[in-house]
Amino acid sequence: MSIEELVEVVHGKRAWLGSKEEAKQLFFTNIFGATDGRYPQQAANSVTLRAPQISAEENVRYAAYIHPTNPDSGAYGGMSVAIFPAADGAHPCLLTFVVGTSGLSPDDHILGRPGHARKVQALCAWLNEKHGKGAFVAWAKQDPVRTDLAAPDTVVRGFADYRPAFDKYGRELYAIYRPSTDLEATREAVTAFLDLMFQERGHKTVARHDSEADRIEAEWFAHLMPDVSRQDVAVLLRSRRYVVIQGPPGTGKTRMALELLRDEYADNGKSIQFHPNTTYENFVGGLAPRLSDTGLGLQFAPAQGSLMEAAAAAKADPDHPYLLHIDELNRADLGKVLGEAIYLFEPDESPRRIELAYEFGDPPSKSLSLPPNLHVLGTMNSTDRSLAIVDVAVRRRFAFVKLWPQPSVVDAQQSAVMTDAFRELERIFIEHASGETFDLVPGHSYFLIKDGDDAKRRLQVTLVPLLEEYLSQGYVGGFAEQIRSYLQWVDSL
């Protein structure tokens, strides 16, 4: 029967376990073996079963897959997948990832790796999106090793049917899923949790389940680095007007912005670039030198900046949207460059107006407002740590979207070398990079070339210098050896 009977127990279609013998048959024996099981027989050596288990203190029932080095009873340690029946017995079981109450060992190498937390969070995000149907059905802790932090009150209240489990193990629970009435959704959740647990222990599904397992993994894995299309950004610009695309180098931010300007805006707009010497006078407007008509040399006179010019162009053609693209948005000191003009960037209000220090002609005369058909799109490299941080005032007024490397773009090149190079580097960052360092993962544009000598040369002159810079700056200190090993592999091609 494979995993189906286990799914029925979790879903509430089958009564909670009555004996250890029944539990062993349903939860253990049935899920292993090439004939009916989902996992190979050797995977059975990587876990042991506790079920049905009852806490003597709080009478909390549970069944759990734990590391086999743990004792037969009492507190256990390490990563486990556990299920808890609802307090009233009338609801499905709560499906969870749990850290044993005796600590991280023997799974500290899994629980302490950023990739495990990252994957569990992506899995729960996928369950909420696909099976939540507007309800909050899954939650994951930011850091599984923080057993000093209990599940937030909002989560406990939202999953009130399982209050005894939270009261007893609220600090150890680091991912949870509450099944709905959809049996297939429960099945996908159970298999996703177990597949990830066994994968972390070095075991895949048996061959006949590989296709389904790969599909489920691909679905939740997409939440690690979500795809944002050009159409998504275009819709956001129409609704919010002011948008920033951010992301690691090589993800196609500038290219997407220029394609939007060309196709969605029919070239009705302009592209400019910020840099450390960009000023308020360049962007908004101010005094600038010009030749005197009287032959007396240079004199200073009011000159419109890029924002004034874009506003004037948009007002001149109100029936068509106008796009001002600002490349490398965070290379300038935004507080100084925007000045009081930041007040104008309110997408949900009627156009605001500011008074200017000088008379700039008509328009904008001595005041400035941004017409509703003016859209502003900024692009910024999230890895450039030497530059000004985008402050809260700007983040409140702009909609921010993140562009991640996309495997499908590399796969479309049909280059075995580049596909392997991309996926291995992606795996290193996913597994080992901290939250902040994860933003450094190089984009797909570094890998867009066919096989042959040009592939190795492309990697050596574009990707290798970037990774060497990461090493020299200490950006990847937590996994420097993995990056150095990767560089040796590139050199061996």
Protein backbone atom coordinates (compact mmCIF):
# COMPACT_ATOMS: atom_id res chain seq x y z
CA MET A 1 0.00 0.00 0.00
CA SER A 2 3.10 2.20 0.16
CA ILE A 3 2.53 5.59 1.69
CA GLU A 4 -1.24 5.83 1.15
CA GLU A 5 -2.30 4.45 4.54
CA LEU A 6 0.06 6.86 6.29
CA VAL A 7 -1.53 9.71 4.32
CA GLU A 8 -4.98 8.55 5.45
CA VAL A 9 -3.91 8.66 9.10
CA VAL A 10 -2.55 12.19 8.71
CA HIS A 11 -5.66 13.26 6.82
CA GLY A 12 -7.98 11.88 9.49
CA LYS A 13 -9.62 9.28 7.25
CA ARG A 14 -8.05 6.49 9.26
CA ALA A 15 -8.18 6.23 13.06
CA TRP A 16 -5.16 7.24 15.11
CA LEU A 17 -2.72 4.42 15.72
CA GLY A 18 -3.86 1.78 18.14
CA SER A 19 -0.62 -0.12 18.80
CA LYS A 20 3.08 -0.06 18.10
CA GLU A 21 2.72 -3.04 15.79
CA GLU A 22 0.10 -1.21 13.69
CA ALA A 23 2.26 1.91 13.69
CA LYS A 24 5.29 -0.01 12.50
CA GLN A 25 3.32 -1.52 9.64
CA LEU A 26 1.71 1.73 8.49
CA PHE A 27 4.47 4.22 9.18
CA PHE A 28 7.57 2.14 8.59
CA THR A 29 7.33 -1.20 6.83
CA ASN A 30 4.96 0.01 4.12
CA ILE A 31 7.03 2.97 2.94
CA PHE A 32 10.26 1.06 2.17
CA GLY A 33 11.19 -1.43 -0.51
CA ALA A 34 11.29 -1.33 -4.29
CA THR A 35 8.03 -3.30 -4.71
CA ASP A 36 5.50 -1.10 -2.90
CA GLY A 37 7.53 1.41 -0.92
CA ARG A 38 8.40 4.97 -1.81
CA TYR A 39 11.96 4.78 -0.49
CA PRO A 40 14.70 2.17 -0.99
CA GLN A 41 15.15 -0.44 1.71
CA GLN A 42 18.52 1.00 2.77
CA ALA A 43 16.76 4.29 3.65
CA ALA A 44 15.11 2.42 6.55
CA ASN A 45 18.49 2.39 8.25
CA SER A 46 18.54 6.21 8.42
CA VAL A 47 15.48 6.54 10.67
CA THR A 48 13.70 4.82 13.48
CA LEU A 49 10.04 5.12 14.45
CA ARG A 50 8.41 6.28 17.65
CA ALA A 51 4.69 5.63 17.49
CA PRO A 52 2.19 5.76 18.98
CA GLN A 53 3.95 7.82 21.61
CA ILE A 54 2.33 9.58 24.57
CA SER A 55 3.98 12.24 26.68
CA ALA A 56 3.57 11.19 30.29
CA GLU A 57 3.40 14.80 31.47
CA GLU A 58 0.98 16.51 29.10
CA ASN A 59 -0.60 13.48 27.43
CA VAL A 60 0.53 14.71 24.00
CA ARG A 61 0.31 11.96 21.42
CA TYR A 62 2.65 11.86 18.45
CA ALA A 63 4.39 9.64 15.94
CA ALA A 64 7.87 10.56 14.72
CA TYR A 65 10.70 9.49 12.42
CA ILE A 66 13.91 10.11 14.37
CA HIS A 67 17.62 9.43 13.95
CA PRO A 68 18.40 5.75 14.67
CA THR A 69 21.19 6.55 17.15
CA ASN A 70 18.64 7.91 19.63
CA PRO A 71 17.59 5.78 22.61
CA ASP A 72 14.42 3.68 22.44
CA SER A 73 12.58 5.98 24.85
CA GLY A 74 12.86 9.34 26.53
CA ALA A 75 14.12 12.57 25.01
CA TYR A 76 15.67 12.33 21.56
CA GLY A 77 17.80 14.70 19.50
CA GLY A 78 18.22 15.80 15.89
CA MET A 79 15.86 16.34 12.97
CA SER A 80 12.55 14.51 12.89
CA VAL A 81 9.27 14.50 11.02
CA ALA A 82 6.42 14.10 13.48
CA ILE A 83 2.63 14.09 13.36
CA PHE A 84 0.30 15.19 16.16
CA PRO A 85 -3.44 14.40 16.24
CA ALA A 86 -5.79 17.30 16.91
CA ALA A 87 -6.81 17.78 20.54
CA ASP A 88 -10.46 17.05 19.76
CA GLY A 89 -9.72 14.11 17.49
CA ALA A 90 -12.07 15.55 14.86
CA HIS A 91 -9.44 17.21 12.65
CA PRO A 92 -6.52 15.94 10.58
CA CYS A 93 -3.13 15.51 12.21
CA LEU A 94 -0.59 18.31 12.31
CA LEU A 95 2.41 17.46 10.10
CA THR A 96 5.69 18.89 11.40
CA PHE A 97 9.46 19.12 11.31
CA VAL A 98 10.81 19.02 14.86
CA VAL A 99 14.15 19.37 16.63
CA GLY A 100 14.41 16.76 19.37
CA THR A 101 14.21 18.13 22.91
CA SER A 102 17.69 16.83 23.74
CA GLY A 103 19.32 19.05 21.10
CA LEU A 104 20.61 19.20 17.53
CA SER A 105 22.93 16.19 17.66
CA PRO A 106 23.24 13.89 15.76
CA ASP A 107 21.81 16.11 12.97
CA ASP A 108 23.59 19.35 13.79
CA HIS A 109 25.27 19.26 10.34
CA ILE A 110 21.80 19.32 8.75
CA LEU A 111 19.93 21.63 11.11
CA GLY A 112 22.77 24.14 11.26
CA ARG A 113 23.11 24.40 7.48
CA PRO A 114 21.34 27.46 6.02
CA GLY A 115 20.10 25.36 3.13
CA HIS A 116 17.92 23.17 5.33
CA ALA A 117 16.06 26.15 6.78
CA ARG A 118 15.84 27.69 3.31
CA LYS A 119 14.30 24.56 1.81
CA VAL A 120 11.81 24.06 4.65
CA GLN A 121 10.67 27.68 4.30
CA ALA A 122 10.24 27.26 0.54
CA LEU A 123 8.26 24.07 1.08
CA CYS A 124 5.87 25.82 3.47
CA ALA A 125 5.51 28.81 1.14
CA TRP A 126 4.55 26.41 -1.64
CA LEU A 127 1.96 24.67 0.56
CA ASN A 128 0.38 28.01 1.47
CA GLU A 129 0.25 29.11 -2.14
CA LYS A 130 -0.92 25.86 -3.72
CA HIS A 131 -3.07 24.32 -1.00
CA GLY A 132 -3.88 27.17 1.35
CA LYS A 133 -6.52 28.66 -0.95
CA GLY A 134 -6.41 31.90 1.00
CA ALA A 135 -5.84 30.25 4.40
CA PHE A 136 -2.63 30.08 6.41
CA VAL A 137 -1.94 26.34 6.49
CA ALA A 138 1.86 26.15 6.80
CA TRP A 139 4.53 27.95 8.80
CA ALA A 140 8.33 27.65 9.07
CA LYS A 141 10.72 29.12 11.62
CA GLN A 142 13.47 31.35 10.26
CA ASP A 143 16.18 29.32 11.99
CA PRO A 144 15.46 25.75 13.16
CA VAL A 145 18.32 25.75 15.68
CA ARG A 146 16.73 28.58 17.69
CA THR A 147 14.99 26.31 20.16
CA ASP A 148 15.08 29.20 22.60
CA LEU A 149 12.28 30.78 20.53
CA ALA A 150 8.75 29.43 20.75
CA ALA A 151 6.34 29.49 17.84
CA PRO A 152 4.79 33.01 17.61
CA ASP A 153 1.45 33.59 19.34
CA THR A 154 -0.20 34.33 16.00
CA VAL A 155 0.78 30.86 14.76
CA VAL A 156 -0.37 29.15 17.96
CA ARG A 157 -3.75 30.91 17.80
CA GLY A 158 -4.13 30.08 14.12
CA PHE A 159 -3.53 26.39 14.81
CA ALA A 160 -5.52 26.25 18.05
CA ASP A 161 -6.73 22.68 17.44
CA TYR A 162 -3.18 21.53 18.15
CA ARG A 163 -2.56 23.62 21.26
CA PRO A 164 -1.22 20.72 23.38
CA ALA A 165 1.54 20.10 20.81
CA PHE A 166 2.53 23.78 20.91
CA ASP A 167 2.40 23.90 24.70
CA LYS A 168 4.76 20.92 24.93
CA TYR A 169 6.98 21.34 21.86
CA GLY A 170 6.43 24.93 20.74
CA ARG A 171 10.17 25.68 20.90
CA GLU A 172 11.15 22.58 18.95
CA LEU A 173 8.61 22.79 16.12
CA TYR A 174 10.21 24.51 13.13
CA ALA A 175 7.80 23.69 10.31
CA ILE A 176 4.13 22.78 10.40
CA TYR A 177 1.33 21.97 7.98
CA ARG A 178 -2.36 21.64 8.78
CA PRO A 179 -4.16 19.50 6.18
CA SER A 180 -7.35 20.75 4.55
CA THR A 181 -10.24 18.60 3.34
CA ASP A 182 -8.32 17.89 0.13
CA LEU A 183 -6.82 14.40 0.38
CA GLU A 184 -4.46 14.98 -2.56
CA ALA A 185 -3.10 18.10 -0.87
CA THR A 186 -2.40 16.04 2.26
CA ARG A 187 -0.65 13.43 0.15
CA GLU A 188 1.59 16.03 -1.50
CA ALA A 189 2.44 17.55 1.88
CA VAL A 190 3.28 14.21 3.50
CA THR A 191 5.44 13.09 0.59
CA ALA A 192 7.18 16.48 0.38
CA PHE A 193 8.06 16.42 4.11
CA LEU A 194 9.29 12.84 4.01
CA ASP A 195 11.12 13.23 0.69
CA LEU A 196 13.02 16.21 2.11
CA MET A 197 13.86 14.39 5.34
CA PHE A 198 15.25 11.37 3.50
CA GLN A 199 17.01 13.56 0.96
CA GLU A 200 18.82 15.33 3.79
CA ARG A 201 19.92 11.91 4.99
CA GLY A 202 21.20 10.98 1.51
CA HIS A 203 18.31 8.94 0.10
CA LYS A 204 16.05 9.51 -2.90
CA THR A 205 12.77 7.84 -3.79
CA VAL A 206 12.74 4.57 -5.69
CA ALA A 207 12.75 4.86 -9.47
CA ARG A 208 9.02 4.49 -10.01
CA HIS A 209 8.33 7.46 -7.74
CA ASP A 210 11.11 9.68 -9.10
CA SER A 211 8.92 11.51 -11.60
CA GLU A 212 6.35 12.56 -9.01
CA ALA A 213 9.03 13.36 -6.43
CA ASP A 214 10.90 15.53 -8.95
CA ARG A 215 7.69 17.38 -9.84
CA ILE A 216 6.84 18.13 -6.21
CA GLU A 217 10.40 19.20 -5.44
CA ALA A 218 10.49 21.46 -8.51
CA GLU A 219 7.25 23.11 -7.41
CA TRP A 220 8.40 24.02 -3.91
CA PHE A 221 11.99 24.60 -5.00
CA ALA A 222 10.72 27.41 -7.25
CA HIS A 223 9.91 29.35 -4.06
CA LEU A 224 13.61 29.47 -3.18
CA MET A 225 14.26 31.83 -6.09
CA PRO A 226 10.87 32.85 -7.51
CA ASP A 227 10.65 33.74 -11.19
CA VAL A 228 9.52 37.28 -12.01
CA SER A 229 8.55 37.84 -15.61
CA ARG A 230 8.63 41.02 -17.64
CA GLN A 231 4.83 40.91 -17.72
CA ASP A 232 4.74 40.75 -13.91
CA VAL A 233 6.78 43.95 -13.70
CA ALA A 234 4.66 45.62 -16.37
CA VAL A 235 1.49 44.90 -14.39
CA LEU A 236 3.13 46.23 -11.23
CA LEU A 237 4.17 49.44 -13.00
CA ARG A 238 0.62 50.01 -14.16
CA SER A 239 -0.76 49.59 -10.65
CA ARG A 240 2.03 51.08 -8.50
CA ARG A 241 3.82 53.38 -11.01
CA TYR A 242 7.11 53.30 -9.06
CA VAL A 243 8.98 49.98 -9.04
CA VAL A 244 12.51 48.79 -8.27
CA ILE A 245 13.98 45.57 -9.67
CA GLN A 246 16.80 44.29 -7.47
CA GLY A 247 18.88 41.17 -7.52
CA PRO A 248 22.31 39.56 -7.90
CA PRO A 249 24.57 40.35 -10.86
CA GLY A 250 23.77 38.61 -14.11
CA THR A 251 20.04 38.11 -13.59
CA GLY A 252 19.01 40.42 -16.45
CA LYS A 253 17.66 43.40 -14.50
CA THR A 254 18.81 46.08 -16.94
CA ARG A 255 17.90 43.95 -19.93
CA MET A 256 14.37 43.48 -18.60
CA ALA A 257 14.01 47.22 -18.01
CA LEU A 258 15.18 48.07 -21.54
CA GLU A 259 12.86 45.45 -23.04
CA LEU A 260 9.96 46.95 -21.08
CA LEU A 261 10.83 50.39 -22.41
CA ARG A 262 11.05 49.08 -25.97
CA ASP A 263 8.04 46.77 -26.06
CA GLU A 264 5.49 47.66 -23.37
CA TYR A 265 6.14 51.42 -23.64
CA ALA A 266 6.94 51.54 -27.36
CA ASP A 267 10.12 53.52 -26.58
CA ASN A 268 8.07 56.25 -24.94
CA GLY A 269 10.54 57.06 -22.21
CA LYS A 270 14.23 57.29 -21.44
CA SER A 271 16.96 55.41 -19.60
CA ILE A 272 19.47 57.09 -17.30
CA GLN A 273 22.13 55.79 -14.93
CA PHE A 274 22.91 56.85 -11.39
CA HIS A 275 26.47 56.95 -10.08
CA PRO A 276 28.23 58.40 -7.00
CA ASN A 277 28.47 61.85 -8.63
CA THR A 278 24.77 62.08 -9.49
CA THR A 279 23.27 65.16 -7.80
CA TYR A 280 19.91 66.74 -7.10
CA GLU A 281 20.64 69.19 -9.90
CA ASN A 282 21.21 66.32 -12.37
CA PHE A 283 18.06 64.45 -11.46
CA VAL A 284 15.49 67.01 -10.29
CA GLY A 285 16.91 70.32 -11.48
CA GLY A 286 18.99 73.28 -10.40
CA LEU A 287 21.52 75.85 -11.49
CA ALA A 288 23.91 74.77 -14.24
CA PRO A 289 26.59 76.67 -16.22
CA ARG A 290 25.86 77.74 -19.77
CA LEU A 291 27.40 80.12 -22.28
CA SER A 292 26.25 83.71 -21.90
CA ASP A 293 24.42 85.33 -24.80
CA THR A 294 26.31 88.54 -24.06
CA GLY A 295 29.72 87.03 -24.70
CA LEU A 296 30.76 87.33 -21.07
CA GLY A 297 31.61 83.64 -20.78
CA LEU A 298 29.70 81.21 -18.52
CA GLN A 299 26.76 82.06 -16.34
CA PHE A 300 24.52 79.96 -14.14
CA ALA A 301 20.87 79.45 -15.01
CA PRO A 302 18.10 77.01 -13.97
CA ALA A 303 18.28 73.72 -15.89
CA GLN A 304 15.78 70.88 -15.75
CA GLY A 305 16.95 67.48 -14.51
CA SER A 306 15.89 64.05 -15.77
CA LEU A 307 12.83 63.89 -13.52
CA MET A 308 11.53 67.29 -14.66
CA GLU A 309 12.09 66.37 -18.30
CA ALA A 310 10.29 63.03 -17.86
CA ALA A 311 7.35 64.71 -16.11
CA ALA A 312 7.08 67.30 -18.90
CA ALA A 313 7.21 64.59 -21.61
CA ALA A 314 4.53 62.52 -19.84
CA LYS A 315 2.25 65.56 -19.46
CA ALA A 316 2.64 66.35 -23.15
CA ASP A 317 1.17 62.95 -24.08
CA PRO A 318 -1.27 62.02 -21.29
CA ASP A 319 -2.89 59.16 -23.26
CA HIS A 320 0.25 57.02 -23.22
CA PRO A 321 2.40 55.86 -20.27
CA TYR A 322 5.93 57.20 -20.10
CA LEU A 323 8.77 55.21 -18.50
CA LEU A 324 11.79 56.69 -16.78
CA HIS A 325 14.31 53.90 -16.22
CA ILE A 326 17.02 54.56 -13.62
CA ASP A 327 19.82 52.03 -13.85
CA GLU A 328 22.08 51.38 -10.82
CA LEU A 329 19.61 53.22 -8.60
CA ASN A 330 21.55 52.64 -5.38
CA ARG A 331 24.89 53.93 -6.70
CA ALA A 332 23.80 57.46 -5.82
CA ASP A 333 23.05 59.02 -2.45
CA LEU A 334 19.29 58.85 -2.86
CA GLY A 335 18.50 61.13 0.07
CA LYS A 336 20.48 63.95 -1.51
CA VAL A 337 19.54 63.20 -5.12
CA LEU A 338 15.79 63.13 -4.46
CA GLY A 339 15.65 65.89 -1.85
CA GLU A 340 12.11 67.11 -1.30
CA ALA A 341 11.05 65.44 -4.56
CA ILE A 342 10.62 62.18 -2.65
CA TYR A 343 7.33 63.68 -1.46
CA LEU A 344 6.01 63.31 -5.02
CA PHE A 345 6.35 59.54 -5.18
CA GLU A 346 2.98 58.50 -3.76
CA PRO A 347 1.34 56.03 -6.16
CA ASP A 348 -1.96 55.77 -4.28
CA GLU A 349 -2.72 59.47 -4.00
CA SER A 350 -3.64 62.31 -6.34
CA PRO A 351 -0.52 63.96 -7.80
CA ARG A 352 1.35 65.96 -5.20
CA ARG A 353 3.16 69.19 -5.92
CA ILE A 354 6.33 70.80 -4.60
CA GLU A 355 7.60 74.35 -5.00
CA LEU A 356 10.96 74.75 -6.68
CA ALA A 357 13.76 77.14 -5.81
CA TYR A 358 14.00 78.56 -9.32
CA GLU A 359 11.88 79.35 -12.34
CA PHE A 360 12.47 76.55 -14.84
CA GLY A 361 10.21 77.73 -17.63
CA ASP A 362 6.91 76.26 -18.70
CA PRO A 363 6.55 73.45 -17.84
CA PRO A 364 7.23 72.92 -14.95
CA SER A 365 7.54 76.64 -14.13
CA LYS A 366 8.30 76.99 -10.40
CA SER A 367 6.49 73.86 -9.18
CA LEU A 368 6.73 70.17 -9.96
CA SER A 369 4.24 67.29 -9.92
CA LEU A 370 4.41 63.81 -11.41
CA PRO A 371 1.56 63.01 -13.82
CA PRO A 372 -0.29 59.70 -13.41
CA ASN A 373 1.09 58.35 -16.69
CA LEU A 374 4.71 58.74 -15.56
CA HIS A 375 6.17 55.43 -14.41
CA VAL A 376 9.60 55.11 -12.80
CA LEU A 377 11.54 51.84 -12.89
CA GLY A 378 14.78 51.52 -10.94
CA THR A 379 17.24 48.66 -11.21
CA MET A 380 19.82 47.91 -8.54
CA ASN A 381 22.47 45.30 -7.84
CA SER A 382 21.83 43.76 -4.43
CA THR A 383 25.47 42.66 -4.11
CA ASP A 384 27.02 46.15 -4.22
CA ARG A 385 27.66 46.60 -0.50
CA SER A 386 29.87 49.65 -0.85
CA LEU A 387 26.99 51.81 -1.97
CA ALA A 388 24.29 53.75 -0.20
CA ILE A 389 21.55 51.71 1.42
CA VAL A 390 18.08 52.42 0.11
CA ASP A 391 16.32 54.02 3.05
CA VAL A 392 12.89 53.25 4.45
CA ALA A 393 11.27 56.33 2.90
CA VAL A 394 12.18 55.12 -0.60
CA ARG A 395 11.19 51.53 0.14
CA ARG A 396 7.75 52.67 1.29
CA ARG A 397 7.08 54.54 -1.95
CA PHE A 398 8.45 52.01 -4.44
CA ALA A 399 7.35 48.44 -5.01
CA PHE A 400 10.41 46.17 -4.82
CA VAL A 401 10.72 42.92 -6.75
CA LYS A 402 13.69 40.58 -6.71
CA LEU A 403 15.08 38.98 -9.84
CA TRP A 404 16.76 35.63 -9.19
CA PRO A 405 18.85 33.34 -11.42
CA GLN A 406 16.55 31.15 -13.47
CA PRO A 407 17.57 27.55 -14.28
CA SER A 408 15.13 27.39 -17.21
CA VAL A 409 17.11 30.10 -19.04
CA VAL A 410 20.33 28.10 -18.71
CA ASP A 411 18.63 24.82 -19.61
CA ALA A 412 17.32 26.38 -22.84
CA GLN A 413 20.93 26.78 -24.04
CA GLN A 414 21.29 22.96 -24.08
CA SER A 415 24.87 23.24 -22.87
CA ALA A 416 25.86 20.37 -20.59
CA VAL A 417 28.93 22.18 -19.25
CA MET A 418 27.09 25.40 -18.49
CA THR A 419 24.09 23.59 -16.99
CA ASP A 420 26.36 21.61 -14.66
CA ALA A 421 28.35 24.74 -13.76
CA PHE A 422 25.21 26.73 -13.00
CA ARG A 423 23.46 24.07 -10.95
CA GLU A 424 26.54 23.24 -8.87
CA LEU A 425 27.16 26.89 -7.99
CA GLU A 426 23.46 27.36 -7.27
CA ARG A 427 23.55 24.32 -4.96
CA ILE A 428 26.56 25.70 -3.06
CA PHE A 429 24.80 29.01 -2.40
CA ILE A 430 21.47 27.41 -1.51
CA GLU A 431 23.05 24.99 0.97
CA HIS A 432 25.69 27.17 2.57
CA ALA A 433 25.03 30.90 2.08
CA SER A 434 23.61 32.92 4.95
CA GLY A 435 20.52 35.04 4.33
CA GLU A 436 22.53 38.13 3.42
CA THR A 437 25.13 36.24 1.37
CA PHE A 438 22.43 34.40 -0.59
CA ASP A 439 21.83 37.66 -2.48
CA LEU A 440 25.30 37.23 -4.00
CA VAL A 441 24.45 34.11 -6.04
CA PRO A 442 25.60 34.86 -9.62
CA GLY A 443 22.87 35.09 -12.23
CA HIS A 444 22.17 32.96 -15.26
CA SER A 445 23.77 35.39 -17.75
CA TYR A 446 27.22 34.10 -16.73
CA PHE A 447 26.28 30.70 -18.16
CA LEU A 448 24.63 31.58 -21.47
CA ILE A 449 26.99 30.08 -24.01
CA LYS A 450 27.30 26.76 -25.82
CA ASP A 451 29.79 24.02 -24.96
CA GLY A 452 33.38 24.03 -26.15
CA ASP A 453 36.43 26.15 -25.51
CA ASP A 454 34.30 29.30 -25.38
CA ALA A 455 32.34 27.92 -22.42
CA LYS A 456 35.44 27.50 -20.25
CA ARG A 457 36.81 30.86 -21.40
CA ARG A 458 33.52 32.57 -20.61
CA LEU A 459 33.52 31.18 -17.08
CA GLN A 460 37.17 32.08 -16.53
CA VAL A 461 36.91 35.70 -17.65
CA THR A 462 33.49 36.57 -16.19
CA LEU A 463 32.44 34.24 -13.36
CA VAL A 464 35.83 33.36 -11.87
CA PRO A 465 36.85 37.01 -11.24
CA LEU A 466 33.52 37.63 -9.52
CA LEU A 467 33.93 34.65 -7.21
CA GLU A 468 37.55 35.58 -6.51
CA GLU A 469 36.36 39.05 -5.52
CA TYR A 470 33.79 37.47 -3.18
CA LEU A 471 36.62 35.50 -1.57
CA SER A 472 38.99 38.45 -1.24
CA GLN A 473 36.27 40.63 0.30
CA GLY A 474 35.25 37.91 2.75
CA TYR A 475 31.68 37.84 1.44
CA VAL A 476 31.60 34.02 1.32
CA GLY A 477 33.74 33.33 4.36
CA GLY A 478 31.31 30.77 5.74
CA PHE A 479 31.72 28.52 2.70
CA ALA A 480 34.97 29.70 1.16
CA GLU A 481 36.31 26.16 0.72
CA GLN A 482 33.29 25.15 -1.32
CA ILE A 483 33.83 28.16 -3.59
CA ARG A 484 37.56 27.40 -3.93
CA SER A 485 36.74 23.81 -4.83
CA TYR A 486 34.29 25.05 -7.44
CA LEU A 487 36.97 27.32 -8.92
CA GLN A 488 39.32 24.33 -9.18
CA TRP A 489 36.61 22.41 -11.01
CA VAL A 490 36.15 25.28 -13.49
CA ASP A 491 39.91 25.35 -14.07
CA SER A 492 39.88 21.63 -14.83
CA LEU A 493 37.34 21.88 -17.64
